[in-house]
Amino acid sequence: LECDGIQGIQENQAIQEIQGIQENQAIQEIQEIQGIQGIQGIQENQAIQGIQENQAIQEIQGIQGKKQVI
């Protein structure tokens, strides 16, 4: 009976270790998702910069158009 008790404890420890690994994997997955979000954030910034550049070009073209009218 004492031996059975020891085996039971060892099994519980093994289960806890497996759960620990799963928790670590879950954390890594969250970090990977955050990493992807960070990349998406950079892409959004690039898109905004692209729009700003387009606006600047339009403003320059507008000025040139006015100069030509004069």
PDB file of N, CA and C in Angstrom:
ATOM      1  N   LEU A   1       0.844  -1.205   0.000  1.00  0.00           N
ATOM      2  CA  LEU A   1       0.000   0.000   0.000  1.00  0.00           C
ATOM      3  C   LEU A   1       0.878   1.253   0.000  1.00  0.00           C
ATOM      4  N   GLU A   2       1.993   1.180   0.761  1.00  0.00           N
ATOM      5  CA  GLU A   2       2.897   2.336   0.799  1.00  0.00           C
ATOM      6  C   GLU A   2       3.491   2.587  -0.584  1.00  0.00           C
ATOM      7  N   CYS A   3       3.830   1.519  -1.263  1.00  0.00           N
ATOM      8  CA  CYS A   3       4.396   1.638  -2.616  1.00  0.00           C
ATOM      9  C   CYS A   3       3.372   2.259  -3.557  1.00  0.00           C
ATOM     10  N   ASP A   4       2.129   1.850  -3.443  1.00  0.00           N
ATOM     11  CA  ASP A   4       1.069   2.407  -4.292  1.00  0.00           C
ATOM     12  C   ASP A   4       0.964   3.908  -4.063  1.00  0.00           C
ATOM     13  N   GLY A   5       1.063   4.327  -2.813  1.00  0.00           N
ATOM     14  CA  GLY A   5       0.974   5.751  -2.472  1.00  0.00           C
ATOM     15  C   GLY A   5       2.090   6.539  -3.128  1.00  0.00           C
ATOM     16  N   ILE A   6       3.290   6.003  -3.117  1.00  0.00           N
ATOM     17  CA  ILE A   6       4.452   6.675  -3.724  1.00  0.00           C
ATOM     18  C   ILE A   6       4.237   6.802  -5.230  1.00  0.00           C
ATOM     19  N   GLN A   7       3.773   5.755  -5.858  1.00  0.00           N
ATOM     20  CA  GLN A   7       3.519   5.780  -7.303  1.00  0.00           C
ATOM     21  C   GLN A   7       2.475   6.843  -7.638  1.00  0.00           C
ATOM     22  N   GLY A   8       1.457   6.936  -6.805  1.00  0.00           N
ATOM     23  CA  GLY A   8       0.410   7.942  -7.013  1.00  0.00           C
ATOM     24  C   GLY A   8       0.992   9.342  -6.985  1.00  0.00           C
ATOM     25  N   ILE A   9       1.887   9.610  -6.065  1.00  0.00           N
ATOM     26  CA  ILE A   9       2.534  10.924  -5.955  1.00  0.00           C
ATOM     27  C   ILE A   9       3.354  11.197  -7.214  1.00  0.00           C
ATOM     28  N   GLN A  10       4.110  10.216  -7.667  1.00  0.00           N
ATOM     29  CA  GLN A  10       4.933  10.373  -8.865  1.00  0.00           C
ATOM     30  C   GLN A  10       4.062  10.676 -10.080  1.00  0.00           C
ATOM     31  N   GLU A  11       2.937  10.005 -10.193  1.00  0.00           N
ATOM     32  CA  GLU A  11       2.025  10.248 -11.319  1.00  0.00           C
ATOM     33  C   GLU A  11       1.518  11.685 -11.275  1.00  0.00           C
ATOM     34  N   ASN A  12       1.173  12.161 -10.090  1.00  0.00           N
ATOM     35  CA  ASN A  12       0.698  13.533  -9.934  1.00  0.00           C
ATOM     36  C   ASN A  12       1.773  14.525 -10.351  1.00  0.00           C
ATOM     37  N   GLN A  13       3.009  14.256  -9.967  1.00  0.00           N
ATOM     38  CA  GLN A  13       4.126  15.135 -10.333  1.00  0.00           C
ATOM     39  C   GLN A  13       4.280  15.185 -11.848  1.00  0.00           C
ATOM     40  N   ALA A  14       4.166  14.044 -12.495  1.00  0.00           N
ATOM     41  CA  ALA A  14       4.286  13.974 -13.953  1.00  0.00           C
ATOM     42  C   ALA A  14       3.175  14.796 -14.595  1.00  0.00           C
ATOM     43  N   ILE A  15       1.969  14.686 -14.078  1.00  0.00           N
ATOM     44  CA  ILE A  15       0.829  15.445 -14.613  1.00  0.00           C
ATOM     45  C   ILE A  15       1.096  16.939 -14.443  1.00  0.00           C
ATOM     46  N   GLN A  16       1.600  17.338 -13.295  1.00  0.00           N
ATOM     47  CA  GLN A  16       1.903  18.749 -13.044  1.00  0.00           C
ATOM     48  C   GLN A  16       2.961  19.255 -14.018  1.00  0.00           C
ATOM     49  N   GLU A  17       3.957  18.439 -14.282  1.00  0.00           N
ATOM     50  CA  GLU A  17       5.008  18.819 -15.230  1.00  0.00           C
ATOM     51  C   GLU A  17       4.417  19.022 -16.620  1.00  0.00           C
ATOM     52  N   ILE A  18       3.544  18.135 -17.025  1.00  0.00           N
ATOM     53  CA  ILE A  18       2.890  18.246 -18.340  1.00  0.00           C
ATOM     54  C   ILE A  18       2.063  19.530 -18.379  1.00  0.00           C
ATOM     55  N   GLN A  19       1.316  19.813 -17.319  1.00  0.00           N
ATOM     56  CA  GLN A  19       0.504  21.027 -17.254  1.00  0.00           C
ATOM     57  C   GLN A  19       1.398  22.258 -17.337  1.00  0.00           C
ATOM     58  N   GLY A  20       2.538  22.194 -16.673  1.00  0.00           N
ATOM     59  CA  GLY A  20       3.490  23.302 -16.713  1.00  0.00           C
ATOM     60  C   GLY A  20       3.965  23.568 -18.126  1.00  0.00           C
ATOM     61  N   ILE A  21       4.254  22.507 -18.846  1.00  0.00           N
ATOM     62  CA  ILE A  21       4.700  22.636 -20.244  1.00  0.00           C
ATOM     63  C   ILE A  21       3.587  23.267 -21.074  1.00  0.00           C
ATOM     64  N   GLN A  22       2.359  22.833 -20.875  1.00  0.00           N
ATOM     65  CA  GLN A  22       1.223  23.375 -21.630  1.00  0.00           C
ATOM     66  C   GLN A  22       1.052  24.861 -21.335  1.00  0.00           C
ATOM     67  N   GLU A  23       1.238  25.244 -20.081  1.00  0.00           N
ATOM     68  CA  GLU A  23       1.127  26.659 -19.710  1.00  0.00           C
ATOM     69  C   GLU A  23       2.198  27.469 -20.431  1.00  0.00           C
ATOM     70  N   ASN A  24       3.406  26.951 -20.471  1.00  0.00           N
ATOM     71  CA  ASN A  24       4.502  27.626 -21.172  1.00  0.00           C
ATOM     72  C   ASN A  24       4.180  27.783 -22.650  1.00  0.00           C
ATOM     73  N   GLN A  25       3.639  26.746 -23.250  1.00  0.00           N
ATOM     74  CA  GLN A  25       3.272  26.787 -24.669  1.00  0.00           C
ATOM     75  C   GLN A  25       2.213  27.856 -24.895  1.00  0.00           C
ATOM     76  N   ALA A  26       1.247  27.937 -23.996  1.00  0.00           N
ATOM     77  CA  ALA A  26       0.187  28.937 -24.113  1.00  0.00           C
ATOM     78  C   ALA A  26       0.788  30.334 -24.050  1.00  0.00           C
ATOM     79  N   ILE A  27       1.726  30.544 -23.165  1.00  0.00           N
ATOM     80  CA  ILE A  27       2.395  31.848 -23.033  1.00  0.00           C
ATOM     81  C   ILE A  27       3.146  32.165 -24.324  1.00  0.00           C
ATOM     82  N   GLN A  28       3.849  31.210 -24.866  1.00  0.00           N
ATOM     83  CA  GLN A  28       4.592  31.402 -26.119  1.00  0.00           C
ATOM     84  C   GLN A  28       3.643  31.765 -27.251  1.00  0.00           C
ATOM     85  N   GLU A  29       2.488  31.089 -27.301  1.00  0.00           N
ATOM     86  CA  GLU A  29       1.504  31.383 -28.351  1.00  0.00           C
ATOM     87  C   GLU A  29       1.016  32.815 -28.217  1.00  0.00           C
ATOM     88  N   ILE A  30       0.758  33.257 -26.997  1.00  0.00           N
ATOM     89  CA  ILE A  30       0.320  34.638 -26.753  1.00  0.00           C
ATOM     90  C   ILE A  30       1.409  35.598 -27.208  1.00  0.00           C
ATOM     91  N   GLN A  31       2.649  35.309 -26.871  1.00  0.00           N
ATOM     92  CA  GLN A  31       3.768  36.162 -27.269  1.00  0.00           C
ATOM     93  C   GLN A  31       3.890  36.220 -28.784  1.00  0.00           C
ATOM     94  N   GLU A  32       3.687  35.090 -29.442  1.00  0.00           N
ATOM     95  CA  GLU A  32       3.754  35.058 -30.912  1.00  0.00           C
ATOM     96  C   GLU A  32       2.654  35.927 -31.499  1.00  0.00           C
ATOM     97  N   ILE A  33       1.463  35.844 -30.924  1.00  0.00           N
ATOM     98  CA  ILE A  33       0.333  36.655 -31.393  1.00  0.00           C
ATOM     99  C   ILE A  33       0.659  38.132 -31.190  1.00  0.00           C
ATOM    100  N   GLN A  34       1.225  38.483 -30.037  1.00  0.00           N
ATOM    101  CA  GLN A  34       1.610  39.865 -29.769  1.00  0.00           C
ATOM    102  C   GLN A  34       2.658  40.320 -30.776  1.00  0.00           C
ATOM    103  N   GLY A  35       3.579  39.435 -31.105  1.00  0.00           N
ATOM    104  CA  GLY A  35       4.608  39.737 -32.104  1.00  0.00           C
ATOM    105  C   GLY A  35       3.977  40.056 -33.449  1.00  0.00           C
ATOM    106  N   ILE A  36       2.997  39.255 -33.818  1.00  0.00           N
ATOM    107  CA  ILE A  36       2.298  39.476 -35.091  1.00  0.00           C
ATOM    108  C   ILE A  36       1.571  40.818 -35.037  1.00  0.00           C
ATOM    109  N   GLN A  37       0.929  41.118 -33.910  1.00  0.00           N
ATOM    110  CA  GLN A  37       0.229  42.395 -33.757  1.00  0.00           C
ATOM    111  C   GLN A  37       1.206  43.547 -33.893  1.00  0.00           C
ATOM    112  N   GLY A  38       2.399  43.380 -33.350  1.00  0.00           N
ATOM    113  CA  GLY A  38       3.428  44.409 -33.465  1.00  0.00           C
ATOM    114  C   GLY A  38       3.784  44.656 -34.919  1.00  0.00           C
ATOM    115  N   ILE A  39       3.917  43.590 -35.670  1.00  0.00           N
ATOM    116  CA  ILE A  39       4.232  43.698 -37.106  1.00  0.00           C
ATOM    117  C   ILE A  39       3.078  44.400 -37.818  1.00  0.00           C
ATOM    118  N   GLN A  40       1.848  44.039 -37.486  1.00  0.00           N
ATOM    119  CA  GLN A  40       0.674  44.671 -38.096  1.00  0.00           C
ATOM    120  C   GLN A  40       0.674  46.158 -37.777  1.00  0.00           C
ATOM    121  N   GLY A  41       1.061  46.506 -36.568  1.00  0.00           N
ATOM    122  CA  GLY A  41       1.136  47.907 -36.164  1.00  0.00           C
ATOM    123  C   GLY A  41       2.112  48.671 -37.040  1.00  0.00           C
ATOM    124  N   ILE A  42       3.236  48.062 -37.323  1.00  0.00           N
ATOM    125  CA  ILE A  42       4.252  48.687 -38.192  1.00  0.00           C
ATOM    126  C   ILE A  42       3.663  48.882 -39.588  1.00  0.00           C
ATOM    127  N   GLN A  43       2.978  47.889 -40.088  1.00  0.00           N
ATOM    128  CA  GLN A  43       2.361  47.974 -41.417  1.00  0.00           C
ATOM    129  C   GLN A  43       1.332  49.098 -41.450  1.00  0.00           C
ATOM    130  N   GLU A  44       0.563  49.248 -40.366  1.00  0.00           N
ATOM    131  CA  GLU A  44      -0.425  50.329 -40.298  1.00  0.00           C
ATOM    132  C   GLU A  44       0.285  51.675 -40.373  1.00  0.00           C
ATOM    133  N   ASN A  45       1.382  51.802 -39.668  1.00  0.00           N
ATOM    134  CA  ASN A  45       2.163  53.039 -39.700  1.00  0.00           C
ATOM    135  C   ASN A  45       2.652  53.321 -41.110  1.00  0.00           C
ATOM    136  N   GLN A  46       3.118  52.303 -41.787  1.00  0.00           N
ATOM    137  CA  GLN A  46       3.592  52.454 -43.167  1.00  0.00           C
ATOM    138  C   GLN A  46       2.449  52.926 -44.056  1.00  0.00           C
ATOM    139  N   ALA A  47       1.276  52.371 -43.840  1.00  0.00           N
ATOM    140  CA  ALA A  47       0.106  52.768 -44.632  1.00  0.00           C
ATOM    141  C   ALA A  47      -0.207  54.241 -44.378  1.00  0.00           C
ATOM    142  N   ILE A  48      -0.137  54.663 -43.131  1.00  0.00           N
ATOM    143  CA  ILE A  48      -0.386  56.068 -42.780  1.00  0.00           C
ATOM    144  C   ILE A  48       0.659  56.954 -43.454  1.00  0.00           C
ATOM    145  N   GLN A  49       1.906  56.547 -43.407  1.00  0.00           N
ATOM    146  CA  GLN A  49       2.975  57.313 -44.057  1.00  0.00           C
ATOM    147  C   GLN A  49       2.705  57.427 -45.550  1.00  0.00           C
ATOM    148  N   GLY A  50       2.247  56.342 -46.154  1.00  0.00           N
ATOM    149  CA  GLY A  50       1.913  56.331 -47.581  1.00  0.00           C
ATOM    150  C   GLY A  50       0.827  57.358 -47.874  1.00  0.00           C
ATOM    151  N   ILE A  51      -0.188  57.406 -47.027  1.00  0.00           N
ATOM    152  CA  ILE A  51      -1.282  58.370 -47.203  1.00  0.00           C
ATOM    153  C   ILE A  51      -0.734  59.783 -47.059  1.00  0.00           C
ATOM    154  N   GLN A  52       0.100  60.011 -46.063  1.00  0.00           N
ATOM    155  CA  GLN A  52       0.674  61.336 -45.840  1.00  0.00           C
ATOM    156  C   GLN A  52       1.513  61.767 -47.035  1.00  0.00           C
ATOM    157  N   GLU A  53       2.268  60.846 -47.578  1.00  0.00           N
ATOM    158  CA  GLU A  53       3.082  61.147 -48.764  1.00  0.00           C
ATOM    159  C   GLU A  53       2.181  61.531 -49.930  1.00  0.00           C
ATOM    160  N   ASN A  54       1.098  60.788 -50.103  1.00  0.00           N
ATOM    161  CA  ASN A  54       0.142  61.081 -51.175  1.00  0.00           C
ATOM    162  C   ASN A  54      -0.456  62.466 -50.978  1.00  0.00           C
ATOM    163  N   GLN A  55      -0.793  62.813 -49.746  1.00  0.00           N
ATOM    164  CA  GLN A  55      -1.366  64.125 -49.446  1.00  0.00           C
ATOM    165  C   GLN A  55      -0.357  65.214 -49.775  1.00  0.00           C
ATOM    166  N   ALA A  56       0.895  64.987 -49.427  1.00  0.00           N
ATOM    167  CA  ALA A  56       1.955  65.959 -49.701  1.00  0.00           C
ATOM    168  C   ALA A  56       2.096  66.161 -51.205  1.00  0.00           C
ATOM    169  N   ILE A  57       2.047  65.081 -51.953  1.00  0.00           N
ATOM    170  CA  ILE A  57       2.152  65.162 -53.424  1.00  0.00           C
ATOM    171  C   ILE A  57       0.968  65.963 -53.973  1.00  0.00           C
ATOM    172  N   GLN A  58      -0.217  65.691 -53.454  1.00  0.00           N
ATOM    173  CA  GLN A  58      -1.416  66.407 -53.906  1.00  0.00           C
ATOM    174  C   GLN A  58      -1.277  67.899 -53.614  1.00  0.00           C
ATOM    175  N   GLU A  59      -0.749  68.231 -52.446  1.00  0.00           N
ATOM    176  CA  GLU A  59      -0.554  69.636 -52.080  1.00  0.00           C
ATOM    177  C   GLU A  59       0.439  70.296 -53.034  1.00  0.00           C
ATOM    178  N   ILE A  60       1.520  69.609 -53.335  1.00  0.00           N
ATOM    179  CA  ILE A  60       2.539  70.140 -54.263  1.00  0.00           C
ATOM    180  C   ILE A  60       1.905  70.336 -55.641  1.00  0.00           C
ATOM    181  N   GLN A  61       1.151  69.346 -56.092  1.00  0.00           N
ATOM    182  CA  GLN A  61       0.493  69.431 -57.400  1.00  0.00           C
ATOM    183  C   GLN A  61      -0.485  70.605 -57.402  1.00  0.00           C
ATOM    184  N   GLY A  62      -1.176  70.798 -56.304  1.00  0.00           N
ATOM    185  CA  GLY A  62      -2.124  71.902 -56.176  1.00  0.00           C
ATOM    186  C   GLY A  62      -1.413  73.236 -56.316  1.00  0.00           C
ATOM    187  N   ILE A  63      -0.264  73.358 -55.668  1.00  0.00           N
ATOM    188  CA  ILE A  63       0.530  74.600 -55.731  1.00  0.00           C
ATOM    189  C   ILE A  63       0.998  74.830 -57.168  1.00  0.00           C
ATOM    190  N   GLN A  64       1.478  73.788 -57.811  1.00  0.00           N
ATOM    191  CA  GLN A  64       1.956  73.896 -59.197  1.00  0.00           C
ATOM    192  C   GLN A  64       0.807  74.324 -60.105  1.00  0.00           C
ATOM    193  N   GLY A  65      -0.363  73.765 -59.854  1.00  0.00           N
ATOM    194  CA  GLY A  65      -1.542  74.105 -60.646  1.00  0.00           C
ATOM    195  C   GLY A  65      -1.858  75.588 -60.512  1.00  0.00           C
ATOM    196  N   LYS A  66      -1.758  76.105 -59.292  1.00  0.00           N
ATOM    197  CA  LYS A  66      -2.047  77.524 -59.048  1.00  0.00           C
ATOM    198  C   LYS A  66      -1.007  78.400 -59.741  1.00  0.00           C
ATOM    199  N   LYS A  67       0.232  77.988 -59.693  1.00  0.00           N
ATOM    200  CA  LYS A  67       1.313  78.764 -60.331  1.00  0.00           C
ATOM    201  C   LYS A  67       1.069  78.838 -61.834  1.00  0.00           C
ATOM    202  N   GLN A  68       0.637  77.727 -62.387  1.00  0.00           N
ATOM    203  CA  GLN A  68       0.399  77.688 -63.835  1.00  0.00           C
ATOM    204  C   GLN A  68      -0.760  78.609 -64.212  1.00  0.00           C
ATOM    205  N   VAL A  69      -1.749  78.692 -63.348  1.00  0.00           N
ATOM    206  CA  VAL A  69      -2.913  79.553 -63.615  1.00  0.00           C
ATOM    207  C   VAL A  69      -2.455  81.004 -63.641  1.00  0.00           C
ATOM    208  N   ILE A  70      -1.562  81.371 -62.706  1.00  0.00           N
ATOM    209  CA  ILE A  70      -1.029  82.746 -62.651  1.00  0.00           C
ATOM    210  C   ILE A  70      -0.163  82.971 -63.880  1.00  0.00           C
TER     211      ILE A  70
END
